[in-house]
C-alpha atoms as a PDB file:
ATOM      1  CA  MET A   1      13.762  33.090  16.795  1.00  0.00           C
ATOM      2  CA  ASN A   2      10.865  31.398  14.995  1.00  0.00           C
ATOM      3  CA  PHE A   3      13.257  30.314  12.258  1.00  0.00           C
ATOM      4  CA  ILE A   4      15.545  28.541  14.732  1.00  0.00           C
ATOM      5  CA  ILE A   5      12.625  26.788  16.431  1.00  0.00           C
ATOM      6  CA  THR A   6      11.276  25.655  13.052  1.00  0.00           C
ATOM      7  CA  LEU A   7      14.721  24.448  11.981  1.00  0.00           C
ATOM      8  CA  VAL A   8      15.270  22.478  15.198  1.00  0.00           C
ATOM      9  CA  LEU A   9      11.813  20.878  15.043  1.00  0.00           C
ATOM     10  CA  THR A  10      12.329  19.952  11.393  1.00  0.00           C
ATOM     11  CA  LEU A  11      15.669  18.346  12.168  1.00  0.00           C
ATOM     12  CA  LEU A  12      14.096  16.394  15.041  1.00  0.00           C
ATOM     13  CA  VAL A  13      11.323  15.076  12.790  1.00  0.00           C
ATOM     14  CA  VAL A  14      13.828  14.061  10.094  1.00  0.00           C
ATOM     15  CA  MET A  15      16.072  12.351  12.639  1.00  0.00           C
ATOM     16  CA  LEU A  16      13.088  10.525  14.132  1.00  0.00           C
ATOM     17  CA  ALA A  17      12.065   9.312  10.672  1.00  0.00           C
ATOM     18  CA  LEU A  18      15.599   8.080   9.982  1.00  0.00           C
ATOM     19  CA  VAL A  19      15.710   6.198  13.296  1.00  0.00           C
ATOM     20  CA  VAL A  20      12.320   4.591  12.597  1.00  0.00           C
ATOM     21  CA  PHE A  21      13.398   3.552   9.087  1.00  0.00           C
ATOM     22  CA  ARG A  22      16.655   2.169  10.497  1.00  0.00           C
ATOM     23  CA  TYR A  23      14.934  -0.181  12.928  1.00  0.00           C
ATOM     24  CA  VAL A  24      11.682  -0.901  11.090  1.00  0.00           C
ATOM     25  CA  GLY A  25      13.059  -0.902   7.569  1.00  0.00           C
ATOM     26  CA  LEU A  26      12.142   1.011   4.469  1.00  0.00           C
ATOM     27  CA  PRO A  27       8.800   0.252   2.876  1.00  0.00           C
ATOM     28  CA  VAL A  28       9.141  -2.183  -0.036  1.00  0.00           C
ATOM     29  CA  TYR A  29       6.680  -2.847  -2.842  1.00  0.00           C
ATOM     30  CA  ARG A  30       7.104  -6.443  -3.922  1.00  0.00           C
ATOM     31  CA  ILE A  31       5.147  -7.655  -6.949  1.00  0.00           C
ATOM     32  CA  GLU A  32       3.899 -11.219  -6.642  1.00  0.00           C
ATOM     33  CA  ALA A  33       2.111 -13.498  -9.108  1.00  0.00           C
ATOM     34  CA  LEU A  34      -1.251 -12.718  -7.502  1.00  0.00           C
ATOM     35  CA  ASN A  35      -0.719  -8.968  -8.105  1.00  0.00           C
ATOM     36  CA  ILE A  36       0.050  -9.590 -11.773  1.00  0.00           C
ATOM     37  CA  GLU A  37      -2.935 -11.896 -12.146  1.00  0.00           C
ATOM     38  CA  ARG A  38      -5.269  -9.263 -10.713  1.00  0.00           C
ATOM     39  CA  LEU A  39      -3.799  -6.596 -12.960  1.00  0.00           C
ATOM     40  CA  LEU A  40      -4.106  -8.684 -16.123  1.00  0.00           C
ATOM     41  CA  LYS A  41      -7.711  -9.564 -15.287  1.00  0.00           C
ATOM     42  CA  SER A  42      -8.390  -5.886 -14.693  1.00  0.00           C
ATOM     43  CA  VAL A  43      -6.788  -4.995 -18.036  1.00  0.00           C
ATOM     44  CA  LEU A  44      -8.887  -7.615 -19.814  1.00  0.00           C
ATOM     45  CA  ALA A  45     -11.998  -6.166 -18.144  1.00  0.00           C
ATOM     46  CA  GLN A  46     -10.804  -2.701 -19.265  1.00  0.00           C
ATOM     47  CA  THR A  47     -10.869  -1.343 -15.712  1.00  0.00           C
ATOM     48  CA  ALA A  48      -7.107  -0.997 -15.130  1.00  0.00           C
ATOM     49  CA  THR A  49      -5.720   2.513 -14.974  1.00  0.00           C
ATOM     50  CA  SER A  50      -2.622   3.609 -16.796  1.00  0.00           C
ATOM     51  CA  ALA A  51      -1.002   4.238 -13.395  1.00  0.00           C
ATOM     52  CA  ASP A  52      -1.571   0.582 -12.418  1.00  0.00           C
ATOM     53  CA  TRP A  53      -0.003  -0.548 -15.664  1.00  0.00           C
ATOM     54  CA  ASP A  54       2.948   1.851 -15.397  1.00  0.00           C
ATOM     55  CA  VAL A  55       3.808   0.693 -11.870  1.00  0.00           C
ATOM     56  CA  PHE A  56       3.856  -2.920 -13.067  1.00  0.00           C
ATOM     57  CA  THR A  57       5.809  -2.393 -16.285  1.00  0.00           C
ATOM     58  CA  GLY A  58       8.192   0.207 -14.908  1.00  0.00           C
ATOM     59  CA  MET A  59       9.619  -1.772 -11.994  1.00  0.00           C
ATOM     60  CA  PRO A  60      11.922  -4.769 -12.616  1.00  0.00           C
ATOM     61  CA  ILE A  61      11.060  -7.858 -10.562  1.00  0.00           C
ATOM     62  CA  HIS A  62      14.454  -8.898  -9.236  1.00  0.00           C
ATOM     63  CA  HIS A  63      13.251 -11.526  -6.779  1.00  0.00           C
ATOM     64  CA  ASN A  64      11.564 -13.729  -9.415  1.00  0.00           C
ATOM     65  CA  PRO A  65      13.058 -14.001 -12.935  1.00  0.00           C
ATOM     66  CA  GLU A  66       9.980 -15.803 -14.273  1.00  0.00           C
ATOM     67  CA  LEU A  67       7.682 -12.970 -13.204  1.00  0.00           C
ATOM     68  CA  ASP A  68      10.103 -10.482 -14.722  1.00  0.00           C
ATOM     69  CA  LYS A  69       9.914 -12.365 -18.040  1.00  0.00           C
ATOM     70  CA  ILE A  70       6.126 -11.990 -17.904  1.00  0.00           C
ATOM     71  CA  ARG A  71       6.560  -8.280 -17.141  1.00  0.00           C
ATOM     72  CA  MET A  72       8.857  -7.914 -20.145  1.00  0.00           C
ATOM     73  CA  GLN A  73       6.328  -9.688 -22.376  1.00  0.00           C
ATOM     74  CA  CYS A  74       3.756  -7.137 -21.252  1.00  0.00           C
ATOM     75  CA  VAL A  75       6.167  -4.276 -21.954  1.00  0.00           C
ATOM     76  CA  MET A  76       6.733  -5.567 -25.496  1.00  0.00           C
ATOM     77  CA  LEU A  77       2.997  -5.982 -25.996  1.00  0.00           C
ATOM     78  CA  GLU A  78       2.378  -2.462 -24.727  1.00  0.00           C
ATOM     79  CA  ALA A  79       4.492  -0.980 -27.501  1.00  0.00           C
ATOM     80  CA  SER A  80       2.364  -2.393 -30.298  1.00  0.00           C
ATOM     81  CA  GLU A  81      -1.099  -3.224 -28.965  1.00  0.00           C
ATOM     82  CA  MET A  82      -1.942  -0.771 -26.168  1.00  0.00           C
ATOM     83  CA  THR A  83      -3.679   2.583 -26.152  1.00  0.00           C
ATOM     84  CA  GLU A  84      -4.899   4.752 -23.332  1.00  0.00           C
ATOM     85  CA  ARG A  85      -8.427   6.132 -23.194  1.00  0.00           C
ATOM     86  CA  ASP A  86      -9.816   8.208 -20.323  1.00  0.00           C
ATOM     87  CA  GLY A  87      -6.994   7.057 -18.047  1.00  0.00           C
ATOM     88  CA  ARG A  88      -7.738   3.384 -18.765  1.00  0.00           C
ATOM     89  CA  VAL A  89      -5.485   0.840 -20.458  1.00  0.00           C
ATOM     90  CA  ILE A  90      -7.062  -0.500 -23.651  1.00  0.00           C
ATOM     91  CA  PHE A  91      -5.580  -3.303 -25.746  1.00  0.00           C
ATOM     92  CA  SER A  92      -6.495  -4.294 -29.286  1.00  0.00           C
ATOM     93  CA  ALA A  93      -8.195  -7.636 -29.920  1.00  0.00           C
ATOM     94  CA  ALA A  94      -4.829  -9.221 -30.774  1.00  0.00           C
ATOM     95  CA  GLY A  95      -3.309  -7.708 -27.640  1.00  0.00           C
ATOM     96  CA  ARG A  96      -6.153  -9.001 -25.479  1.00  0.00           C
ATOM     97  CA  LEU A  97      -5.601 -12.492 -26.892  1.00  0.00           C
ATOM     98  CA  GLN A  98      -1.895 -12.299 -26.071  1.00  0.00           C
ATOM     99  CA  LEU A  99      -2.695 -10.997 -22.576  1.00  0.00           C
ATOM    100  CA  GLN A 100      -4.967 -13.989 -22.038  1.00  0.00           C
ATOM    101  CA  GLN A 101      -2.093 -16.270 -23.082  1.00  0.00           C
ATOM    102  CA  ILE A 102       0.222 -14.464 -20.642  1.00  0.00           C
ATOM    103  CA  LEU A 103      -2.400 -14.911 -17.919  1.00  0.00           C
ATOM    104  CA  ASN A 104      -2.551 -18.649 -18.705  1.00  0.00           C
ATOM    105  CA  GLN A 105       1.265 -18.782 -18.543  1.00  0.00           C
ATOM    106  CA  LEU A 106       1.147 -17.026 -15.165  1.00  0.00           C
ATOM    107  CA  ASN A 107      -1.437 -19.484 -13.824  1.00  0.00           C
ATOM    108  CA  ALA A 108       0.748 -22.406 -14.956  1.00  0.00           C
ATOM    109  CA  LEU A 109       3.699 -20.796 -13.150  1.00  0.00           C
ATOM    110  CA  LYS A 110       1.629 -20.390  -9.994  1.00  0.00           C
ATOM    111  CA  ARG A 111       0.627 -24.066 -10.094  1.00  0.00           C
ATOM    112  CA  LEU A 112       4.293 -25.073 -10.367  1.00  0.00           C
ATOM    113  CA  GLU A 113       5.197 -22.931  -7.365  1.00  0.00           C
ATOM    114  CA  ASN A 114       2.511 -24.525  -5.192  1.00  0.00           C
END
């Protein structure tokens, strides 16, 4: 009897969640220029975690091709200039210089959008 009650309650909770998602919409994480700017500044300050970096580099930015180009530049840079130490993202001196150039490129893009 307990099994049937548990099964029915579980189905009700799942159905309620589906109804809520249907009318409210699924949660969406949308990366904007401001998010990338904050991340790059955090990386340059050596306070960004590898999880922060992985979320940024692992998710294509379909809504803005220019931001996706910046993401791809960071992915390419990661392969040659990045290491991880104590859960933090660390770039070499050359990588930090290139990140600063990417940050400048991002700021120029933001000015064009405004």
